[in-house]
PDB file of N, CA and C in Angstrom:
ATOM      1  N   MET A   1     -15.182  10.561   1.882  1.00  0.00           N
ATOM      2  CA  MET A   1     -14.789   9.178   1.804  1.00  0.00           C
ATOM      3  C   MET A   1     -16.050   8.323   1.847  1.00  0.00           C
ATOM      4  N   ARG A   2     -16.118   7.349   0.965  1.00  0.00           N
ATOM      5  CA  ARG A   2     -17.232   6.405   0.965  1.00  0.00           C
ATOM      6  C   ARG A   2     -16.733   5.069   1.491  1.00  0.00           C
ATOM      7  N   LEU A   3     -17.453   4.489   2.401  1.00  0.00           N
ATOM      8  CA  LEU A   3     -17.097   3.191   2.951  1.00  0.00           C
ATOM      9  C   LEU A   3     -18.126   2.169   2.505  1.00  0.00           C
ATOM     10  N   ARG A   4     -17.649   0.999   2.175  1.00  0.00           N
ATOM     11  CA  ARG A   4     -18.563  -0.063   1.765  1.00  0.00           C
ATOM     12  C   ARG A   4     -18.147  -1.359   2.432  1.00  0.00           C
ATOM     13  N   PHE A   5     -19.122  -2.130   2.811  1.00  0.00           N
ATOM     14  CA  PHE A   5     -18.871  -3.438   3.381  1.00  0.00           C
ATOM     15  C   PHE A   5     -19.514  -4.478   2.492  1.00  0.00           C
ATOM     16  N   PHE A   6     -18.775  -5.518   2.200  1.00  0.00           N
ATOM     17  CA  PHE A   6     -19.265  -6.608   1.381  1.00  0.00           C
ATOM     18  C   PHE A   6     -18.991  -7.901   2.123  1.00  0.00           C
ATOM     19  N   CYS A   7     -19.589  -8.961   1.688  1.00  0.00           N
ATOM     20  CA  CYS A   7     -19.282 -10.275   2.233  1.00  0.00           C
ATOM     21  C   CYS A   7     -18.543 -11.070   1.169  1.00  0.00           C
ATOM     22  N   ASP A   8     -17.488 -11.749   1.586  1.00  0.00           N
ATOM     23  CA  ASP A   8     -16.773 -12.593   0.634  1.00  0.00           C
ATOM     24  C   ASP A   8     -17.454 -13.956   0.574  1.00  0.00           C
ATOM     25  N   HIS A   9     -16.859 -14.881  -0.140  1.00  0.00           N
ATOM     26  CA  HIS A   9     -17.488 -16.183  -0.346  1.00  0.00           C
ATOM     27  C   HIS A   9     -17.619 -17.002   0.940  1.00  0.00           C
ATOM     28  N   THR A  10     -16.912 -16.629   2.009  1.00  0.00           N
ATOM     29  CA  THR A  10     -17.020 -17.349   3.277  1.00  0.00           C
ATOM     30  C   THR A  10     -18.033 -16.709   4.206  1.00  0.00           C
ATOM     31  N   GLY A  11     -18.591 -15.568   3.801  1.00  0.00           N
ATOM     32  CA  GLY A  11     -19.554 -14.865   4.629  1.00  0.00           C
ATOM     33  C   GLY A  11     -18.932 -13.835   5.547  1.00  0.00           C
ATOM     34  N   LYS A  12     -17.603 -13.714   5.525  1.00  0.00           N
ATOM     35  CA  LYS A  12     -16.931 -12.721   6.362  1.00  0.00           C
ATOM     36  C   LYS A  12     -17.078 -11.342   5.728  1.00  0.00           C
ATOM     37  N   SER A  13     -17.185 -10.327   6.573  1.00  0.00           N
ATOM     38  CA  SER A  13     -17.276  -8.958   6.066  1.00  0.00           C
ATOM     39  C   SER A  13     -15.935  -8.512   5.517  1.00  0.00           C
ATOM     40  N   VAL A  14     -15.994  -7.842   4.387  1.00  0.00           N
ATOM     41  CA  VAL A  14     -14.802  -7.280   3.768  1.00  0.00           C
ATOM     42  C   VAL A  14     -15.023  -5.777   3.673  1.00  0.00           C
ATOM     43  N   PHE A  15     -14.042  -5.008   4.077  1.00  0.00           N
ATOM     44  CA  PHE A  15     -14.147  -3.556   4.123  1.00  0.00           C
ATOM     45  C   PHE A  15     -13.401  -2.951   2.944  1.00  0.00           C
ATOM     46  N   PHE A  16     -14.043  -2.039   2.260  1.00  0.00           N
ATOM     47  CA  PHE A  16     -13.411  -1.283   1.186  1.00  0.00           C
ATOM     48  C   PHE A  16     -13.593   0.196   1.480  1.00  0.00           C
ATOM     49  N   ALA A  17     -12.550   0.976   1.308  1.00  0.00           N
ATOM     50  CA  ALA A  17     -12.645   2.425   1.477  1.00  0.00           C
ATOM     51  C   ALA A  17     -12.356   3.069   0.124  1.00  0.00           C
ATOM     52  N   PHE A  18     -13.237   3.937  -0.292  1.00  0.00           N
ATOM     53  CA  PHE A  18     -13.036   4.692  -1.519  1.00  0.00           C
ATOM     54  C   PHE A  18     -12.685   6.117  -1.116  1.00  0.00           C
ATOM     55  N   ILE A  19     -11.408   6.441  -1.207  1.00  0.00           N
ATOM     56  CA  ILE A  19     -10.927   7.729  -0.742  1.00  0.00           C
ATOM     57  C   ILE A  19     -10.398   8.503  -1.939  1.00  0.00           C
ATOM     58  N   PRO A  20     -11.069   9.583  -2.316  1.00  0.00           N
ATOM     59  CA  PRO A  20     -10.583  10.344  -3.463  1.00  0.00           C
ATOM     60  C   PRO A  20      -9.296  11.087  -3.112  1.00  0.00           C
ATOM     61  N   ILE A  21      -8.297  10.910  -3.932  1.00  0.00           N
ATOM     62  CA  ILE A  21      -7.053  11.656  -3.761  1.00  0.00           C
ATOM     63  C   ILE A  21      -6.825  12.381  -5.083  1.00  0.00           C
ATOM     64  N   ASN A  22      -7.329  13.582  -5.151  1.00  0.00           N
ATOM     65  CA  ASN A  22      -7.263  14.319  -6.404  1.00  0.00           C
ATOM     66  C   ASN A  22      -5.993  15.139  -6.556  1.00  0.00           C
ATOM     67  N   ASP A  23      -5.459  15.604  -5.444  1.00  0.00           N
ATOM     68  CA  ASP A  23      -4.316  16.509  -5.530  1.00  0.00           C
ATOM     69  C   ASP A  23      -3.152  15.947  -4.734  1.00  0.00           C
ATOM     70  N   LEU A  24      -2.239  15.308  -5.421  1.00  0.00           N
ATOM     71  CA  LEU A  24      -1.062  14.767  -4.753  1.00  0.00           C
ATOM     72  C   LEU A  24       0.154  15.649  -4.990  1.00  0.00           C
ATOM     73  N   ASP A  25      -0.065  16.923  -5.264  1.00  0.00           N
ATOM     74  CA  ASP A  25       1.058  17.817  -5.512  1.00  0.00           C
ATOM     75  C   ASP A  25       1.809  18.191  -4.251  1.00  0.00           C
ATOM     76  N   ALA A  26       1.131  18.263  -3.126  1.00  0.00           N
ATOM     77  CA  ALA A  26       1.803  18.663  -1.895  1.00  0.00           C
ATOM     78  C   ALA A  26       1.250  17.876  -0.718  1.00  0.00           C
ATOM     79  N   THR A  27       2.138  17.566   0.224  1.00  0.00           N
ATOM     80  CA  THR A  27       1.721  16.879   1.441  1.00  0.00           C
ATOM     81  C   THR A  27       1.187  17.910   2.421  1.00  0.00           C
ATOM     82  N   ILE A  28       0.743  17.439   3.559  1.00  0.00           N
ATOM     83  CA  ILE A  28       0.224  18.326   4.593  1.00  0.00           C
ATOM     84  C   ILE A  28       1.298  19.312   5.042  1.00  0.00           C
ATOM     85  N   ASP A  29       2.546  18.848   5.137  1.00  0.00           N
ATOM     86  CA  ASP A  29       3.624  19.742   5.582  1.00  0.00           C
ATOM     87  C   ASP A  29       4.232  20.542   4.433  1.00  0.00           C
ATOM     88  N   GLY A  30       3.648  20.463   3.245  1.00  0.00           N
ATOM     89  CA  GLY A  30       4.101  21.283   2.134  1.00  0.00           C
ATOM     90  C   GLY A  30       5.136  20.635   1.232  1.00  0.00           C
ATOM     91  N   GLY A  31       5.587  19.423   1.569  1.00  0.00           N
ATOM     92  CA  GLY A  31       6.567  18.749   0.723  1.00  0.00           C
ATOM     93  C   GLY A  31       5.953  18.278  -0.582  1.00  0.00           C
ATOM     94  N   LEU A  32       6.762  18.174  -1.606  1.00  0.00           N
ATOM     95  CA  LEU A  32       6.267  17.696  -2.899  1.00  0.00           C
ATOM     96  C   LEU A  32       6.149  16.183  -2.888  1.00  0.00           C
ATOM     97  N   THR A  33       5.207  15.677  -3.624  1.00  0.00           N
ATOM     98  CA  THR A  33       4.999  14.241  -3.713  1.00  0.00           C
ATOM     99  C   THR A  33       5.098  13.786  -5.160  1.00  0.00           C
ATOM    100  N   MET A  34       5.151  12.470  -5.331  1.00  0.00           N
ATOM    101  CA  MET A  34       5.226  11.881  -6.660  1.00  0.00           C
ATOM    102  C   MET A  34       3.823  11.617  -7.184  1.00  0.00           C
ATOM    103  N   LYS A  35       3.735  11.480  -8.470  1.00  0.00           N
ATOM    104  CA  LYS A  35       2.453  11.140  -9.072  1.00  0.00           C
ATOM    105  C   LYS A  35       2.499   9.830  -9.843  1.00  0.00           C
ATOM    106  N   THR A  36       3.670   9.210  -9.968  1.00  0.00           N
ATOM    107  CA  THR A  36       3.740   7.970 -10.735  1.00  0.00           C
ATOM    108  C   THR A  36       4.526   6.897  -9.994  1.00  0.00           C
ATOM    109  N   LEU A  37       4.242   5.664 -10.358  1.00  0.00           N
ATOM    110  CA  LEU A  37       4.938   4.520  -9.769  1.00  0.00           C
ATOM    111  C   LEU A  37       6.401   4.465 -10.189  1.00  0.00           C
ATOM    112  N   SER A  38       6.737   5.069 -11.328  1.00  0.00           N
ATOM    113  CA  SER A  38       8.100   4.964 -11.853  1.00  0.00           C
ATOM    114  C   SER A  38       9.134   5.634 -10.958  1.00  0.00           C
ATOM    115  N   ASP A  39       8.687   6.467 -10.028  1.00  0.00           N
ATOM    116  CA  ASP A  39       9.625   7.126  -9.118  1.00  0.00           C
ATOM    117  C   ASP A  39       9.991   6.261  -7.914  1.00  0.00           C
ATOM    118  N   LEU A  40       9.309   5.144  -7.736  1.00  0.00           N
ATOM    119  CA  LEU A  40       9.649   4.215  -6.657  1.00  0.00           C
ATOM    120  C   LEU A  40      10.715   3.241  -7.134  1.00  0.00           C
ATOM    121  N   THR A  41      11.559   2.785  -6.210  1.00  0.00           N
ATOM    122  CA  THR A  41      12.557   1.785  -6.573  1.00  0.00           C
ATOM    123  C   THR A  41      11.873   0.436  -6.781  1.00  0.00           C
ATOM    124  N   SER A  42      12.578  -0.495  -7.386  1.00  0.00           N
ATOM    125  CA  SER A  42      11.996  -1.825  -7.615  1.00  0.00           C
ATOM    126  C   SER A  42      11.674  -2.509  -6.293  1.00  0.00           C
ATOM    127  N   ARG A  43      12.510  -2.307  -5.269  1.00  0.00           N
ATOM    128  CA  ARG A  43      12.255  -2.903  -3.955  1.00  0.00           C
ATOM    129  C   ARG A  43      11.024  -2.276  -3.307  1.00  0.00           C
ATOM    130  N   GLU A  44      10.873  -0.962  -3.448  1.00  0.00           N
ATOM    131  CA  GLU A  44       9.697  -0.298  -2.894  1.00  0.00           C
ATOM    132  C   GLU A  44       8.423  -0.774  -3.580  1.00  0.00           C
ATOM    133  N   LEU A  45       8.471  -0.968  -4.893  1.00  0.00           N
ATOM    134  CA  LEU A  45       7.309  -1.503  -5.615  1.00  0.00           C
ATOM    135  C   LEU A  45       6.983  -2.917  -5.157  1.00  0.00           C
ATOM    136  N   GLU A  46       8.010  -3.718  -4.957  1.00  0.00           N
ATOM    137  CA  GLU A  46       7.804  -5.095  -4.490  1.00  0.00           C
ATOM    138  C   GLU A  46       7.119  -5.090  -3.122  1.00  0.00           C
ATOM    139  N   ILE A  47       7.579  -4.228  -2.239  1.00  0.00           N
ATOM    140  CA  ILE A  47       6.988  -4.146  -0.902  1.00  0.00           C
ATOM    141  C   ILE A  47       5.569  -3.605  -0.970  1.00  0.00           C
ATOM    142  N   LEU A  48       5.335  -2.619  -1.817  1.00  0.00           N
ATOM    143  CA  LEU A  48       3.991  -2.064  -1.961  1.00  0.00           C
ATOM    144  C   LEU A  48       3.016  -3.109  -2.499  1.00  0.00           C
ATOM    145  N   ARG A  49       3.458  -3.936  -3.431  1.00  0.00           N
ATOM    146  CA  ARG A  49       2.599  -5.027  -3.933  1.00  0.00           C
ATOM    147  C   ARG A  49       2.247  -6.001  -2.814  1.00  0.00           C
ATOM    148  N   LEU A  50       3.214  -6.315  -1.966  1.00  0.00           N
ATOM    149  CA  LEU A  50       2.969  -7.232  -0.854  1.00  0.00           C
ATOM    150  C   LEU A  50       2.041  -6.605   0.187  1.00  0.00           C
ATOM    151  N   VAL A  51       2.152  -5.299   0.386  1.00  0.00           N
ATOM    152  CA  VAL A  51       1.218  -4.594   1.267  1.00  0.00           C
ATOM    153  C   VAL A  51      -0.195  -4.700   0.703  1.00  0.00           C
ATOM    154  N   LEU A  52      -0.339  -4.488  -0.608  1.00  0.00           N
ATOM    155  CA  LEU A  52      -1.656  -4.605  -1.250  1.00  0.00           C
ATOM    156  C   LEU A  52      -2.230  -6.012  -1.127  1.00  0.00           C
ATOM    157  N   ALA A  53      -1.351  -6.989  -1.096  1.00  0.00           N
ATOM    158  CA  ALA A  53      -1.799  -8.375  -0.967  1.00  0.00           C
ATOM    159  C   ALA A  53      -2.188  -8.712   0.467  1.00  0.00           C
ATOM    160  N   GLY A  54      -1.953  -7.768   1.381  1.00  0.00           N
ATOM    161  CA  GLY A  54      -2.361  -7.983   2.769  1.00  0.00           C
ATOM    162  C   GLY A  54      -1.279  -8.532   3.670  1.00  0.00           C
ATOM    163  N   SER A  55      -0.053  -8.553   3.210  1.00  0.00           N
ATOM    164  CA  SER A  55       1.041  -9.096   4.019  1.00  0.00           C
ATOM    165  C   SER A  55       1.427  -8.139   5.142  1.00  0.00           C
ATOM    166  N   THR A  56       1.780  -8.705   6.276  1.00  0.00           N
ATOM    167  CA  THR A  56       2.296  -7.918   7.392  1.00  0.00           C
ATOM    168  C   THR A  56       3.766  -7.607   7.137  1.00  0.00           C
ATOM    169  N   ASN A  57       4.321  -6.693   7.909  1.00  0.00           N
ATOM    170  CA  ASN A  57       5.747  -6.392   7.777  1.00  0.00           C
ATOM    171  C   ASN A  57       6.594  -7.636   8.017  1.00  0.00           C
ATOM    172  N   LYS A  58       6.211  -8.423   8.990  1.00  0.00           N
ATOM    173  CA  LYS A  58       6.946  -9.651   9.307  1.00  0.00           C
ATOM    174  C   LYS A  58       6.894 -10.628   8.136  1.00  0.00           C
ATOM    175  N   ALA A  59       5.719 -10.779   7.530  1.00  0.00           N
ATOM    176  CA  ALA A  59       5.561 -11.684   6.388  1.00  0.00           C
ATOM    177  C   ALA A  59       6.338 -11.181   5.171  1.00  0.00           C
ATOM    178  N   ILE A  60       6.326  -9.869   4.958  1.00  0.00           N
ATOM    179  CA  ILE A  60       7.083  -9.290   3.846  1.00  0.00           C
ATOM    180  C   ILE A  60       8.568  -9.571   4.046  1.00  0.00           C
ATOM    181  N   ALA A  61       9.054  -9.337   5.253  1.00  0.00           N
ATOM    182  CA  ALA A  61      10.468  -9.565   5.553  1.00  0.00           C
ATOM    183  C   ALA A  61      10.865 -11.009   5.271  1.00  0.00           C
ATOM    184  N   ALA A  62      10.032 -11.947   5.691  1.00  0.00           N
ATOM    185  CA  ALA A  62      10.335 -13.357   5.472  1.00  0.00           C
ATOM    186  C   ALA A  62      10.303 -13.715   3.991  1.00  0.00           C
ATOM    187  N   GLU A  63       9.359 -13.154   3.258  1.00  0.00           N
ATOM    188  CA  GLU A  63       9.207 -13.502   1.844  1.00  0.00           C
ATOM    189  C   GLU A  63      10.349 -12.991   0.979  1.00  0.00           C
ATOM    190  N   ILE A  64      10.864 -11.792   1.287  1.00  0.00           N
ATOM    191  CA  ILE A  64      11.910 -11.238   0.423  1.00  0.00           C
ATOM    192  C   ILE A  64      13.289 -11.218   1.105  1.00  0.00           C
ATOM    193  N   PHE A  65      13.386 -11.938   2.223  1.00  0.00           N
ATOM    194  CA  PHE A  65      14.674 -12.176   2.894  1.00  0.00           C
ATOM    195  C   PHE A  65      15.379 -10.910   3.354  1.00  0.00           C
ATOM    196  N   ILE A  66      14.620 -10.021   4.006  1.00  0.00           N
ATOM    197  CA  ILE A  66      15.201  -8.848   4.647  1.00  0.00           C
ATOM    198  C   ILE A  66      14.641  -8.776   6.059  1.00  0.00           C
ATOM    199  N   SER A  67      15.174  -7.879   6.882  1.00  0.00           N
ATOM    200  CA  SER A  67      14.680  -7.762   8.256  1.00  0.00           C
ATOM    201  C   SER A  67      13.388  -6.950   8.292  1.00  0.00           C
ATOM    202  N   LYS A  68      12.642  -7.136   9.377  1.00  0.00           N
ATOM    203  CA  LYS A  68      11.409  -6.375   9.577  1.00  0.00           C
ATOM    204  C   LYS A  68      11.716  -4.882   9.634  1.00  0.00           C
ATOM    205  N   LYS A  69      12.831  -4.518  10.243  1.00  0.00           N
ATOM    206  CA  LYS A  69      13.238  -3.105  10.323  1.00  0.00           C
ATOM    207  C   LYS A  69      13.496  -2.528   8.932  1.00  0.00           C
ATOM    208  N   THR A  70      14.055  -3.342   8.037  1.00  0.00           N
ATOM    209  CA  THR A  70      14.302  -2.877   6.668  1.00  0.00           C
ATOM    210  C   THR A  70      12.984  -2.671   5.929  1.00  0.00           C
ATOM    211  N   VAL A  71      12.018  -3.532   6.179  1.00  0.00           N
ATOM    212  CA  VAL A  71      10.683  -3.342   5.594  1.00  0.00           C
ATOM    213  C   VAL A  71      10.103  -2.017   6.083  1.00  0.00           C
ATOM    214  N   GLU A  72      10.208  -1.758   7.386  1.00  0.00           N
ATOM    215  CA  GLU A  72       9.700  -0.504   7.941  1.00  0.00           C
ATOM    216  C   GLU A  72      10.407   0.701   7.308  1.00  0.00           C
ATOM    217  N   PHE A  73      11.723   0.580   7.106  1.00  0.00           N
ATOM    218  CA  PHE A  73      12.503   1.642   6.462  1.00  0.00           C
ATOM    219  C   PHE A  73      11.972   1.920   5.049  1.00  0.00           C
ATOM    220  N   HIS A  74      11.761   0.844   4.267  1.00  0.00           N
ATOM    221  CA  HIS A  74      11.247   1.011   2.900  1.00  0.00           C
ATOM    222  C   HIS A  74       9.838   1.610   2.913  1.00  0.00           C
ATOM    223  N   LEU A  75       8.988   1.159   3.833  1.00  0.00           N
ATOM    224  CA  LEU A  75       7.631   1.707   3.907  1.00  0.00           C
ATOM    225  C   LEU A  75       7.658   3.193   4.249  1.00  0.00           C
ATOM    226  N   ASN A  76       8.523   3.594   5.162  1.00  0.00           N
ATOM    227  CA  ASN A  76       8.633   5.014   5.490  1.00  0.00           C
ATOM    228  C   ASN A  76       9.095   5.823   4.280  1.00  0.00           C
ATOM    229  N   ASN A  77      10.017   5.267   3.497  1.00  0.00           N
ATOM    230  CA  ASN A  77      10.446   5.940   2.260  1.00  0.00           C
ATOM    231  C   ASN A  77       9.287   6.069   1.281  1.00  0.00           C
ATOM    232  N   ILE A  78       8.508   5.011   1.143  1.00  0.00           N
ATOM    233  CA  ILE A  78       7.340   5.036   0.252  1.00  0.00           C
ATOM    234  C   ILE A  78       6.364   6.121   0.711  1.00  0.00           C
ATOM    235  N   TYR A  79       6.038   6.122   2.012  1.00  0.00           N
ATOM    236  CA  TYR A  79       5.097   7.117   2.543  1.00  0.00           C
ATOM    237  C   TYR A  79       5.579   8.532   2.258  1.00  0.00           C
ATOM    238  N   THR A  80       6.867   8.772   2.466  1.00  0.00           N
ATOM    239  CA  THR A  80       7.425  10.102   2.233  1.00  0.00           C
ATOM    240  C   THR A  80       7.360  10.477   0.762  1.00  0.00           C
ATOM    241  N   LYS A  81       7.736   9.549  -0.104  1.00  0.00           N
ATOM    242  CA  LYS A  81       7.758   9.834  -1.542  1.00  0.00           C
ATOM    243  C   LYS A  81       6.374  10.137  -2.101  1.00  0.00           C
ATOM    244  N   ILE A  82       5.361   9.415  -1.620  1.00  0.00           N
ATOM    245  CA  ILE A  82       4.026   9.604  -2.198  1.00  0.00           C
ATOM    246  C   ILE A  82       3.153  10.543  -1.370  1.00  0.00           C
ATOM    247  N   GLY A  83       3.675  11.004  -0.239  1.00  0.00           N
ATOM    248  CA  GLY A  83       2.962  12.007   0.549  1.00  0.00           C
ATOM    249  C   GLY A  83       1.805  11.485   1.359  1.00  0.00           C
ATOM    250  N   VAL A  84       1.931  10.286   1.897  1.00  0.00           N
ATOM    251  CA  VAL A  84       0.889   9.731   2.757  1.00  0.00           C
ATOM    252  C   VAL A  84       1.499   9.383   4.107  1.00  0.00           C
ATOM    253  N   ARG A  85       0.623   9.062   5.060  1.00  0.00           N
ATOM    254  CA  ARG A  85       1.103   8.740   6.408  1.00  0.00           C
ATOM    255  C   ARG A  85       0.768   7.327   6.856  1.00  0.00           C
ATOM    256  N   THR A  86      -0.076   6.642   6.108  1.00  0.00           N
ATOM    257  CA  THR A  86      -0.512   5.324   6.567  1.00  0.00           C
ATOM    258  C   THR A  86      -0.410   4.282   5.469  1.00  0.00           C
ATOM    259  N   ARG A  87      -0.422   3.039   5.890  1.00  0.00           N
ATOM    260  CA  ARG A  87      -0.397   1.889   5.000  1.00  0.00           C
ATOM    261  C   ARG A  87      -1.635   1.888   4.104  1.00  0.00           C
ATOM    262  N   LEU A  88      -2.787   2.198   4.696  1.00  0.00           N
ATOM    263  CA  LEU A  88      -4.036   2.240   3.935  1.00  0.00           C
ATOM    264  C   LEU A  88      -3.960   3.258   2.805  1.00  0.00           C
ATOM    265  N   MET A  89      -3.498   4.449   3.125  1.00  0.00           N
ATOM    266  CA  MET A  89      -3.420   5.492   2.105  1.00  0.00           C
ATOM    267  C   MET A  89      -2.392   5.149   1.030  1.00  0.00           C
ATOM    268  N   ALA A  90      -1.304   4.490   1.422  1.00  0.00           N
ATOM    269  CA  ALA A  90      -0.320   4.046   0.426  1.00  0.00           C
ATOM    270  C   ALA A  90      -0.969   3.028  -0.512  1.00  0.00           C
ATOM    271  N   GLY A  91      -1.776   2.142   0.047  1.00  0.00           N
ATOM    272  CA  GLY A  91      -2.479   1.150  -0.768  1.00  0.00           C
ATOM    273  C   GLY A  91      -3.478   1.788  -1.716  1.00  0.00           C
ATOM    274  N   VAL A  92      -4.211   2.769  -1.223  1.00  0.00           N
ATOM    275  CA  VAL A  92      -5.179   3.483  -2.067  1.00  0.00           C
ATOM    276  C   VAL A  92      -4.450   4.177  -3.211  1.00  0.00           C
ATOM    277  N   TRP A  93      -3.350   4.854  -2.884  1.00  0.00           N
ATOM    278  CA  TRP A  93      -2.562   5.547  -3.908  1.00  0.00           C
ATOM    279  C   TRP A  93      -2.068   4.558  -4.959  1.00  0.00           C
ATOM    280  N   ALA A  94      -1.545   3.417  -4.500  1.00  0.00           N
ATOM    281  CA  ALA A  94      -1.013   2.412  -5.429  1.00  0.00           C
ATOM    282  C   ALA A  94      -2.110   1.883  -6.350  1.00  0.00           C
ATOM    283  N   LEU A  95      -3.281   1.625  -5.802  1.00  0.00           N
ATOM    284  CA  LEU A  95      -4.396   1.153  -6.631  1.00  0.00           C
ATOM    285  C   LEU A  95      -4.802   2.210  -7.650  1.00  0.00           C
ATOM    286  N   GLN A  96      -4.805   3.469  -7.235  1.00  0.00           N
ATOM    287  CA  GLN A  96      -5.150   4.543  -8.165  1.00  0.00           C
ATOM    288  C   GLN A  96      -4.116   4.672  -9.279  1.00  0.00           C
ATOM    289  N   GLN A  97      -2.893   4.277  -8.996  1.00  0.00           N
ATOM    290  CA  GLN A  97      -1.829   4.315  -9.999  1.00  0.00           C
ATOM    291  C   GLN A  97      -1.837   3.076 -10.892  1.00  0.00           C
ATOM    292  N   GLY A  98      -2.694   2.106 -10.571  1.00  0.00           N
ATOM    293  CA  GLY A  98      -2.801   0.912 -11.397  1.00  0.00           C
ATOM    294  C   GLY A  98      -1.958  -0.261 -10.938  1.00  0.00           C
ATOM    295  N   LEU A  99      -1.367  -0.161  -9.761  1.00  0.00           N
ATOM    296  CA  LEU A  99      -0.568  -1.276  -9.237  1.00  0.00           C
ATOM    297  C   LEU A  99      -1.528  -2.344  -8.713  1.00  0.00           C
ATOM    298  N   LEU A 100      -1.329  -3.556  -9.167  1.00  0.00           N
ATOM    299  CA  LEU A 100      -2.177  -4.653  -8.726  1.00  0.00           C
ATOM    300  C   LEU A 100      -1.374  -5.601  -7.866  1.00  0.00           C
ATOM    301  N   ALA A 101      -2.011  -6.085  -6.829  1.00  0.00           N
ATOM    302  CA  ALA A 101      -1.370  -7.067  -5.967  1.00  0.00           C
ATOM    303  C   ALA A 101      -1.509  -8.443  -6.594  1.00  0.00           C
ATOM    304  N   GLU A 102      -0.521  -9.284  -6.344  1.00  0.00           N
ATOM    305  CA  GLU A 102      -0.645 -10.657  -6.786  1.00  0.00           C
ATOM    306  C   GLU A 102      -1.659 -11.339  -5.888  1.00  0.00           C
ATOM    307  N   THR A 103      -2.467 -12.180  -6.474  1.00  0.00           N
ATOM    308  CA  THR A 103      -3.454 -12.893  -5.652  1.00  0.00           C
ATOM    309  C   THR A 103      -2.747 -13.961  -4.849  1.00  0.00           C
ATOM    310  N   ARG A 104      -3.288 -14.225  -3.673  1.00  0.00           N
ATOM    311  CA  ARG A 104      -2.729 -15.274  -2.843  1.00  0.00           C
ATOM    312  C   ARG A 104      -3.870 -16.023  -2.202  1.00  0.00           C
ATOM    313  N   GLU A 105      -3.612 -17.274  -1.901  1.00  0.00           N
ATOM    314  CA  GLU A 105      -4.647 -18.117  -1.330  1.00  0.00           C
ATOM    315  C   GLU A 105      -4.820 -17.806   0.145  1.00  0.00           C
ATOM    316  N   VAL A 106      -6.073 -17.842   0.593  1.00  0.00           N
ATOM    317  CA  VAL A 106      -6.377 -17.659   1.996  1.00  0.00           C
ATOM    318  C   VAL A 106      -6.317 -19.027   2.651  1.00  0.00           C
ATOM    319  N   PRO A 107      -5.497 -19.175   3.715  1.00  0.00           N
ATOM    320  CA  PRO A 107      -5.418 -20.480   4.355  1.00  0.00           C
ATOM    321  C   PRO A 107      -6.748 -20.886   4.969  1.00  0.00           C
ATOM    322  N   SER A 108      -7.059 -22.176   4.913  1.00  0.00           N
ATOM    323  CA  SER A 108      -8.340 -22.625   5.478  1.00  0.00           C
ATOM    324  C   SER A 108      -8.175 -23.144   6.876  1.00  0.00           C
TER     325      SER A 108
END
């Protein structure tokens, strides 16, 4: 894994992790995983885009009018389907698949 730190236009440090995921055929426990975004539901894709945009579970729930528990349920389904265990790894996988987050303004 390569880690890089950059500064954004405000001078704050921004962290990027470059994690190669070459083999998504099997998870650690031996389960099969997906290799494409088309296997996710439209709601799961919507939530994954919001995760990429940096939204918290609470913010995602408020934006798409569902409960925080439902967001957690969808995220767990996403993690299981793509064979990852963390939000970061789900984001890395999504970026590798070409999913782009919508840009959002940073409050001042």
